[in-house]
Protein backbone atom coordinates (compact mmCIF):
# COMPACT_ATOMS: atom_id res chain seq x y z
CA MET A 1 234.69 7.44 85.12
CA GLY A 2 236.31 10.26 87.13
CA LEU A 3 234.57 13.36 88.38
CA ALA A 4 233.81 16.10 85.86
CA THR A 5 236.42 18.85 85.84
CA PHE A 6 238.56 21.17 83.70
CA LYS A 7 242.30 21.50 82.98
CA GLY A 8 244.41 23.58 85.34
CA GLY A 9 243.20 25.14 88.59
CA VAL A 10 244.45 25.20 92.17
CA HIS A 11 243.52 23.86 95.61
CA PRO A 12 243.48 26.76 98.08
CA TYR A 13 242.54 26.23 101.74
CA GLU A 14 238.74 25.94 101.70
CA GLY A 15 237.81 27.48 105.06
CA LYS A 16 234.19 26.36 104.62
CA GLU A 17 234.02 24.57 107.98
CA LEU A 18 233.62 27.98 109.69
CA SER A 19 230.08 28.49 108.36
CA GLU A 20 228.90 25.51 106.28
CA HIS A 21 226.84 24.01 109.12
CA LYS A 22 225.25 27.34 110.11
CA PRO A 23 221.64 27.51 108.82
CA VAL A 24 220.62 30.77 107.14
CA GLN A 25 219.21 33.29 109.65
CA ILE A 26 216.90 36.11 108.65
CA LEU A 27 218.44 39.45 109.62
CA MET A 28 216.18 42.50 109.71
CA PRO A 29 217.82 45.87 109.01
CA LYS A 30 218.18 48.54 111.69
CA GLY A 31 219.37 51.65 109.85
CA ASP A 32 218.63 53.28 106.51
CA LEU A 33 218.75 51.18 103.37
CA VAL A 34 220.82 52.23 100.35
CA TYR A 35 219.95 51.03 96.83
CA PRO A 36 222.67 51.75 94.24
CA MET A 37 221.28 52.19 90.73
CA SER A 38 224.16 50.13 89.35
CA GLN A 39 224.18 46.64 90.89
CA HIS A 40 224.59 44.85 87.58
CA ILE A 41 226.58 44.72 84.35
CA GLY A 42 225.22 47.32 81.91
CA ALA A 43 223.58 50.72 82.07
CA PRO A 44 222.59 52.03 85.54
CA ALA A 45 218.89 51.99 86.44
CA ILE A 46 217.00 55.31 86.41
CA PRO A 47 215.55 56.38 89.80
CA LEU A 48 211.72 56.39 89.77
CA VAL A 49 211.35 58.14 93.14
CA LYS A 50 212.51 61.39 94.73
CA LYS A 51 213.24 62.68 98.22
CA GLY A 52 210.13 62.62 100.42
CA ASP A 53 208.31 59.87 98.46
CA LYS A 54 206.72 57.01 100.38
CA VAL A 55 207.77 53.57 99.15
CA LEU A 56 206.56 49.99 99.72
CA ALA A 57 208.35 46.64 99.96
CA GLY A 58 208.36 45.11 96.48
CA GLN A 59 208.03 48.49 94.71
CA LYS A 60 210.19 49.18 91.67
CA ILE A 61 212.29 52.24 92.55
CA GLY A 62 214.86 52.02 89.75
CA GLU A 63 214.04 51.20 86.13
CA ALA A 64 216.32 49.42 83.66
CA SER A 65 217.62 52.07 81.26
CA GLY A 66 218.67 49.88 78.36
CA PHE A 67 218.63 46.37 76.92
CA ILE A 68 221.46 45.33 79.26
CA SER A 69 220.31 46.86 82.54
CA ALA A 70 218.18 45.79 85.51
CA ASN A 71 215.36 47.10 87.68
CA VAL A 72 215.99 47.87 91.36
CA ILE A 73 213.29 46.85 93.86
CA CYS A 74 212.75 48.34 97.33
CA SER A 75 213.06 45.73 100.10
CA VAL A 76 211.29 47.71 102.88
CA SER A 77 208.55 50.29 103.28
CA GLY A 78 209.40 53.83 104.34
CA THR A 79 210.38 57.26 103.06
CA VAL A 80 213.01 58.27 100.50
CA LYS A 81 215.59 60.35 102.38
CA ALA A 82 217.83 61.14 99.43
CA VAL A 83 218.84 60.28 95.88
CA GLU A 84 222.61 60.80 95.93
CA PRO A 85 225.98 59.14 95.22
CA ARG A 86 226.99 56.50 97.78
CA ARG A 87 230.06 54.26 97.97
CA VAL A 88 229.84 50.63 96.86
CA ALA A 89 232.13 47.62 97.33
CA ASN A 90 234.48 48.40 94.41
CA GLY A 91 235.17 51.87 95.87
CA ALA A 92 233.12 53.78 93.29
CA MET A 93 230.50 56.39 94.17
CA VAL A 94 227.20 55.31 92.57
CA ASN A 95 223.93 57.20 92.34
CA SER A 96 221.72 55.57 95.02
CA ILE A 97 218.29 55.82 96.60
CA VAL A 98 218.41 56.09 100.41
CA VAL A 99 215.28 54.85 102.22
CA GLU A 100 214.39 55.39 105.87
CA ASN A 101 212.83 52.10 106.97
CA ASP A 102 209.51 52.54 108.81
CA GLY A 103 209.82 49.00 110.24
CA GLU A 104 206.36 48.01 109.00
CA TYR A 105 207.36 46.27 105.73
CA THR A 106 204.08 47.25 104.08
CA ALA A 107 204.13 45.51 100.69
CA VAL A 108 202.80 46.24 97.23
CA GLU A 109 199.56 44.49 96.35
CA GLY A 110 199.98 40.85 95.33
CA LEU A 111 203.48 40.38 96.74
CA GLY A 112 204.00 36.70 97.57
CA ALA A 113 200.91 35.47 95.69
CA ASP A 114 201.13 31.94 94.26
CA ARG A 115 201.32 31.67 90.49
CA ASP A 116 201.23 28.57 88.27
CA PRO A 117 204.16 28.74 85.82
CA ALA A 118 202.52 26.13 83.57
CA LYS A 119 199.88 28.72 82.65
CA LEU A 120 202.46 31.32 81.59
CA SER A 121 203.84 31.84 78.10
CA LYS A 122 207.60 32.00 77.51
CA GLN A 123 207.44 35.76 77.04
CA GLU A 124 205.43 36.21 80.24
CA ILE A 125 208.11 34.30 82.17
CA ARG A 126 210.89 36.44 80.68
CA ASP A 127 208.94 39.63 81.46
CA ILE A 128 208.42 38.55 85.09
CA VAL A 129 212.16 37.85 85.48
CA LYS A 130 212.95 41.29 84.02
CA GLU A 131 210.45 43.10 86.23
CA ALA A 132 211.85 41.29 89.29
CA GLY A 133 215.30 42.83 88.74
CA ILE A 134 217.09 39.46 88.75
CA VAL A 135 220.76 39.40 87.77
CA GLY A 136 223.55 36.83 88.07
CA LEU A 137 223.85 36.46 91.84
CA GLY A 138 227.13 34.57 91.77
CA GLY A 139 228.90 37.91 91.54
CA ALA A 140 228.84 38.71 87.81
CA GLY A 141 225.55 40.64 87.90
CA PHE A 142 224.57 40.05 84.25
CA PRO A 143 220.83 40.75 83.78
CA THR A 144 219.12 37.33 83.79
CA HIS A 145 216.26 38.22 81.44
CA VAL A 146 218.87 38.93 78.72
CA LYS A 147 220.55 35.57 79.34
CA LEU A 148 217.17 33.81 79.07
CA ALA A 149 216.49 35.37 75.65
CA PRO A 150 219.27 34.12 73.32
CA LYS A 151 219.06 34.68 69.56
CA ASP A 152 217.99 31.09 68.89
CA GLU A 153 216.38 29.35 71.86
CA SER A 154 216.16 26.06 69.95
CA LYS A 155 219.98 25.76 70.02
CA ILE A 156 220.17 25.78 73.83
CA GLU A 157 220.91 22.21 74.93
CA TYR A 158 222.07 22.68 78.54
CA ILE A 159 220.80 24.75 81.43
CA LEU A 160 223.67 24.50 83.91
CA VAL A 161 222.99 25.35 87.54
CA ASN A 162 226.29 26.42 89.04
CA GLY A 163 226.34 24.86 92.50
CA ALA A 164 230.14 24.51 92.56
CA GLU A 165 230.72 27.38 95.01
CA CYS A 166 234.46 26.92 94.52
CA GLU A 167 235.46 30.25 96.11
CA PRO A 168 237.06 29.49 99.52
CA TYR A 169 235.11 30.35 102.70
CA LEU A 170 231.76 30.98 100.92
CA THR A 171 228.87 28.75 102.01
CA SER A 172 225.68 30.66 101.08
CA ASP A 173 224.94 28.54 97.97
CA TYR A 174 225.59 25.35 99.92
CA ARG A 175 223.10 26.41 102.61
CA LEU A 176 220.50 27.21 99.92
CA MET A 177 220.96 23.77 98.35
CA MET A 178 220.53 22.18 101.78
CA GLU A 179 217.62 24.33 102.96
CA GLU A 180 215.67 25.20 99.79
CA PRO A 181 216.39 22.43 97.25
CA GLU A 182 212.72 22.30 96.14
CA LYS A 183 212.86 25.97 95.13
CA LEU A 184 216.09 25.32 93.21
CA VAL A 185 214.52 22.46 91.25
CA GLY A 186 211.34 24.53 90.79
CA GLY A 187 213.32 27.43 89.35
CA LEU A 188 215.21 25.09 87.00
CA LYS A 189 211.89 23.67 85.76
CA VAL A 190 210.70 27.24 85.02
CA ILE A 191 213.86 27.88 82.94
CA LEU A 192 213.42 24.55 81.12
CA GLN A 193 209.94 25.71 80.08
CA LEU A 194 211.70 28.33 77.94
CA PHE A 195 213.98 25.86 76.13
CA ASP A 196 212.30 22.85 74.57
CA ASN A 197 215.54 21.11 73.56
CA ALA A 198 217.49 21.60 76.79
CA LYS A 199 218.22 19.43 79.77
CA GLY A 200 219.02 20.80 83.21
CA VAL A 201 222.26 19.85 84.96
CA ILE A 202 223.03 20.86 88.55
CA GLY A 203 226.83 20.88 88.97
CA ILE A 204 228.03 20.52 92.58
CA GLU A 205 231.61 20.06 93.84
CA ASN A 206 232.18 16.76 95.65
CA ASN A 207 233.15 18.53 98.89
CA LYS A 208 229.37 18.97 99.33
CA PRO A 209 228.22 15.32 99.46
CA GLU A 210 225.06 16.06 101.46
CA ALA A 211 223.86 18.58 98.86
CA ILE A 212 224.61 16.15 96.01
CA LYS A 213 222.66 13.39 97.77
CA LYS A 214 219.71 15.64 98.61
CA LEU A 215 219.33 16.99 95.07
CA GLN A 216 219.89 13.60 93.41
CA GLU A 217 217.02 12.22 95.50
CA LEU A 218 214.83 15.18 94.58
CA VAL A 219 215.36 14.86 90.79
CA LYS A 220 215.46 11.06 90.47
CA ASP A 221 212.09 11.05 88.66
CA GLU A 222 212.77 14.16 86.56
CA SER A 223 213.57 13.10 82.99
CA ARG A 224 215.11 16.47 82.04
CA ILE A 225 217.19 17.16 85.16
CA GLU A 226 220.31 15.49 86.54
CA VAL A 227 222.97 16.25 89.16
CA CYS A 228 226.62 16.22 88.04
CA PRO A 229 229.23 15.83 90.83
CA LEU A 230 232.30 17.95 90.06
CA GLN A 231 235.87 17.60 91.26
CA THR A 232 236.65 20.05 94.06
CA LYS A 233 239.07 22.47 92.47
CA TYR A 234 239.24 26.23 92.03
CA PRO A 235 237.87 27.84 89.76
CA GLN A 236 235.44 24.99 89.06
CA GLY A 237 232.54 27.46 89.34
CA GLY A 238 233.89 29.77 86.61
CA GLU A 239 231.42 29.87 83.73
CA ARG A 240 233.88 28.51 81.18
CA SER A 241 235.21 25.89 83.64
CA ILE A 242 231.81 24.44 84.48
CA ILE A 243 230.71 24.39 80.82
CA TYR A 244 233.84 22.42 79.91
CA ALA A 245 233.54 20.11 82.93
CA VAL A 246 229.90 19.18 82.26
CA THR A 247 229.68 19.30 78.46
CA GLY A 248 233.27 19.17 77.15
CA ARG A 249 232.52 22.34 75.15
CA LYS A 250 234.95 25.26 75.08
CA VAL A 251 233.96 28.93 75.32
CA ASN A 252 236.38 31.78 74.67
CA SER A 253 236.17 35.52 75.36
CA SER A 254 234.57 36.29 71.99
CA MET A 255 231.73 33.82 72.66
CA LEU A 256 228.71 33.70 74.91
CA PRO A 257 227.79 30.42 76.65
CA ALA A 258 224.71 30.40 74.39
CA ASP A 259 227.07 30.03 71.39
CA ALA A 260 228.05 26.67 72.90
CA GLY A 261 224.40 25.74 73.50
CA CYS A 262 224.57 26.51 77.22
CA ILE A 263 223.03 28.86 79.76
CA VAL A 264 224.69 29.00 83.19
CA ASP A 265 222.95 30.33 86.29
CA ASN A 266 224.05 30.41 89.90
CA VAL A 267 222.01 28.56 92.59
CA ASP A 268 220.62 31.76 94.12
CA THR A 269 219.71 33.14 90.69
CA VAL A 270 217.64 30.01 89.92
CA ILE A 271 215.90 30.22 93.31
CA SER A 272 215.19 33.93 92.66
CA ILE A 273 213.58 32.97 89.32
CA TYR A 274 211.35 30.52 91.20
CA MET A 275 210.41 33.21 93.74
CA ALA A 276 209.60 35.76 91.03
CA VAL A 277 207.63 33.46 88.74
CA CYS A 278 205.92 31.13 91.23
CA LYS A 279 205.66 33.36 94.32
CA SER A 280 205.28 36.87 92.81
CA THR A 281 208.34 38.03 94.80
CA PRO A 282 210.98 40.19 93.08
CA LEU A 283 214.65 40.23 94.07
CA MET A 284 214.70 41.96 97.47
CA ARG A 285 217.11 39.83 99.52
CA LYS A 286 220.55 38.26 99.40
CA ILE A 287 222.10 35.30 101.20
CA ILE A 288 225.45 36.43 102.63
CA THR A 289 228.23 34.52 104.41
CA ILE A 290 230.05 36.44 107.17
CA THR A 291 233.25 34.51 107.83
CA GLY A 292 237.01 34.49 108.40
CA ASP A 293 239.23 34.03 111.44
CA ALA A 294 238.54 37.60 112.67
CA VAL A 295 234.77 37.03 113.04
CA ASN A 296 233.35 35.95 116.42
CA THR A 297 230.48 33.84 115.05
CA PRO A 298 230.78 33.06 111.31
CA CYS A 299 227.29 32.57 109.85
CA ASN A 300 224.96 32.85 106.86
CA PHE A 301 222.32 35.57 106.74
CA ASN A 302 219.24 36.27 104.65
CA VAL A 303 219.40 40.07 104.44
CA LYS A 304 217.36 42.78 102.74
CA LEU A 305 219.13 44.38 99.79
CA GLY A 306 220.38 47.80 100.88
CA THR A 307 221.37 46.71 104.42
CA ASN A 308 224.68 48.18 105.66
CA TYR A 309 227.62 45.74 105.92
CA GLN A 310 228.37 47.03 109.43
CA GLU A 311 225.03 45.59 110.62
CA LEU A 312 226.03 42.14 109.33
CA ILE A 313 229.32 42.23 111.23
CA GLU A 314 227.51 43.24 114.44
CA ALA A 315 224.98 40.41 113.96
CA ALA A 316 227.89 37.95 113.61
CA GLY A 317 229.12 39.01 117.06
CA GLY A 318 231.64 41.57 115.82
CA PHE A 319 235.37 40.91 115.58
CA LYS A 320 237.55 38.76 117.84
CA GLU A 321 240.31 41.19 117.00
CA GLU A 322 240.58 44.05 114.53
CA PRO A 323 241.01 42.49 111.06
CA GLU A 324 243.93 43.49 108.88
CA LYS A 325 241.89 42.66 105.78
CA ILE A 326 238.16 42.69 105.01
CA ILE A 327 237.08 41.35 101.63
CA SER A 328 233.72 41.72 99.93
CA GLY A 329 233.44 38.20 98.52
CA GLY A 330 236.04 35.47 98.94
CA PRO A 331 239.85 35.61 99.08
CA MET A 332 240.42 34.60 95.44
CA MET A 333 238.12 36.96 93.53
CA GLY A 334 236.72 39.31 96.17
CA GLN A 335 237.52 43.00 96.60
CA ALA A 336 239.40 44.34 99.61
CA LEU A 337 237.41 47.02 101.45
CA PHE A 338 238.70 50.16 103.15
CA THR A 339 235.30 50.78 104.76
CA VAL A 340 232.32 48.60 105.71
CA ASP A 341 229.95 51.56 105.39
CA ILE A 342 228.56 50.16 102.15
CA PRO A 343 225.25 48.45 101.28
CA VAL A 344 224.52 44.83 100.47
CA SER A 345 223.87 44.71 96.73
CA LYS A 346 222.73 42.02 94.30
CA THR A 347 226.34 41.00 93.62
CA SER A 348 227.37 40.77 97.30
CA SER A 349 228.17 37.21 98.36
CA ALA A 350 230.22 37.39 101.55
CA LEU A 351 232.30 39.40 103.96
CA THR A 352 235.55 37.55 104.63
CA CYS A 353 237.53 39.06 107.50
CA PHE A 354 241.13 38.06 108.26
CA THR A 355 243.25 38.93 111.29
CA LYS A 356 246.38 38.95 109.07
CA ASP A 357 246.75 40.22 105.53
CA GLN A 358 248.88 37.40 104.18
CA VAL A 359 249.29 38.97 100.75
CA SER A 360 250.67 42.40 101.62
CA ALA A 361 253.07 40.85 104.15
CA LEU A 362 255.07 39.36 101.28
CA GLU A 363 257.04 41.54 98.88
CA PRO A 364 256.97 40.45 95.24
CA THR A 365 260.30 39.33 93.76
CA ALA A 366 261.54 38.74 90.21
CA CYS A 367 259.90 36.03 88.10
CA ILE A 368 261.93 32.80 88.26
CA ARG A 369 260.25 31.39 85.12
CA CYS A 370 259.13 28.23 86.96
CA GLY A 371 256.03 27.85 84.78
CA ARG A 372 253.64 27.15 87.65
CA CYS A 373 251.29 29.93 86.53
CA VAL A 374 251.03 28.28 83.10
CA SER A 375 250.27 24.85 84.59
CA VAL A 376 247.33 26.11 86.70
CA CYS A 377 245.75 28.57 84.25
CA PRO A 378 242.26 27.27 83.38
CA SER A 379 242.21 29.43 80.22
CA ARG A 380 245.42 27.74 78.95
CA ILE A 381 247.23 31.04 78.41
CA ILE A 382 250.70 32.16 79.51
CA PRO A 383 250.60 34.58 82.47
CA VAL A 384 254.38 35.19 82.39
CA MET A 385 254.13 36.64 78.84
CA MET A 386 251.00 38.60 79.75
CA MET A 387 252.86 40.13 82.71
CA GLN A 388 255.72 41.24 80.45
CA ALA A 389 253.19 43.06 78.26
CA ALA A 390 251.41 44.51 81.31
CA LEU A 391 254.65 45.89 82.80
CA ARG A 392 255.31 47.70 79.50
CA ASN A 393 251.66 48.72 79.20
CA ASP A 394 251.77 47.14 75.74
CA CYS A 395 248.10 46.54 74.91
CA GLU A 396 248.83 45.19 71.43
CA ARG A 397 251.23 42.57 72.81
CA PHE A 398 248.80 41.74 75.63
CA GLU A 399 246.10 40.96 73.05
CA LYS A 400 248.54 38.95 70.90
CA VAL A 401 249.37 36.63 73.80
CA ASN A 402 245.60 36.10 74.36
CA GLY A 403 245.44 38.23 77.51
CA MET A 404 241.74 38.91 76.93
CA GLU A 405 241.05 35.20 77.52
CA CYS A 406 242.00 35.68 81.20
CA MET A 407 239.05 35.03 83.53
CA GLU A 408 240.71 36.89 86.44
CA CYS A 409 240.34 33.87 88.71
CA GLY A 410 243.59 34.51 90.59
CA SER A 411 244.99 30.97 90.24
CA CYS A 412 248.30 32.29 88.81
CA THR A 413 248.75 34.80 91.63
CA TYR A 414 247.92 32.14 94.21
CA ILE A 415 250.54 29.68 92.92
CA CYS A 416 253.32 32.20 92.11
CA PRO A 417 256.35 31.62 94.42
CA ALA A 418 257.60 35.13 93.58
CA ARG A 419 254.30 36.59 94.88
CA ARG A 420 253.84 38.75 91.80
CA PRO A 421 250.51 40.64 91.53
CA LEU A 422 249.61 38.95 88.24
CA THR A 423 245.81 39.00 88.39
CA GLN A 424 245.75 42.65 89.48
CA ALA A 425 247.90 43.62 86.47
CA PHE A 426 245.75 41.56 84.07
CA LYS A 427 242.54 43.12 85.38
CA GLU A 428 243.87 46.61 84.65
CA MET A 429 245.16 45.62 81.20
CA ARG A 430 241.87 43.99 80.24
CA LYS A 431 240.01 47.14 81.29
CA THR A 432 242.37 49.29 79.19
CA VAL A 433 242.09 47.04 76.12
CA ALA A 434 238.28 46.95 76.42
CA ALA A 435 238.17 50.77 76.72
CA ASN A 436 240.42 51.15 73.65
CA ARG A 437 238.16 48.81 71.67
CA ARG A 438 235.10 50.88 72.62
CA LYS A 439 236.82 54.08 71.44
CA LYS A 440 237.67 52.49 68.08
CA GLY A 441 234.17 50.97 67.75
């Protein structure tokens, strides 16, 4: 039997050799820390502190303001300097709490205390995850406590741990699987406590054989957990892709994974659940890869949330030469930055810095109708027809050709010989269609 995979996809240059063998280093912040109130899908958190207030490490400083929202936790002790709009990775100005770090890291009472998950009820576990401010740390940022509370928990059959890390250059999840596999398995066991009929599957691409071996050894006596090696292909780590690869079940844009009996969580999310439930430690840190051919010493850092990106670049030895392109995330789905004066947030995963901007160097030309975009699309839709609708700004047509099924993975743009900005156009169209639906609703 072949490796589990999905239909479509591409094989971009992986670039993982730059940082995959670099153990995670703890990086302590130097300057002020900035905590945006919107680091997640859903309503922004409401600030609980004001200028001049003293704060502690582990203190809740932003409170979830709705069902789909998430708490924000302070990662240092110090004084609130301001509550004001600050720029984040997508270019938006977001209301943020700015904290002057006193360097003492004085913590709230009980931070880090051991807790036995077996003595907790399902609701207590969900409440702890909510209080800890945990969201999807693979980049989506969906509040995890909402994901762990589906309408009918008895219908959940699979808890899928997404260890694919298919995005080129990123190695933070790989390092976590290599360095903290016990916490990963511990976190998965906590989730399985919530779902009596589910089994846990850790999906890992086969370009990470050491991680597969390590986790298989660790779960060999666990009756409800197994490791599923996946074919190395982008976007194997997409939620719909990994569900299909592991279970054969299909999920479309009108469905949640729970509708297919699945819950999917990223490696770091599962470890954060372990830390919150078993170690009384809320989400205060992020594992970040600093990489690319422009970086002197590519590496993986454990950084406090709120740390400035500029500090990460300095800690990686700065630049060999001035990069033409800096991306927050990886080259396929990341966002190009025009400044690195932004904070590490829950959805940060990497800084990928390139000496040459290979995309902007090539001018797009007319579509030659070669069909390559269709052959690689993991959603089995037709990008060439979607692009025709996008160029005319025809939302109705875009919906008719199933444009809303696009997962914005970038495979079509990557393979297009005419270098057309397909994914960019689809992103904008999907936003417009979603906004129009909200107006009608």
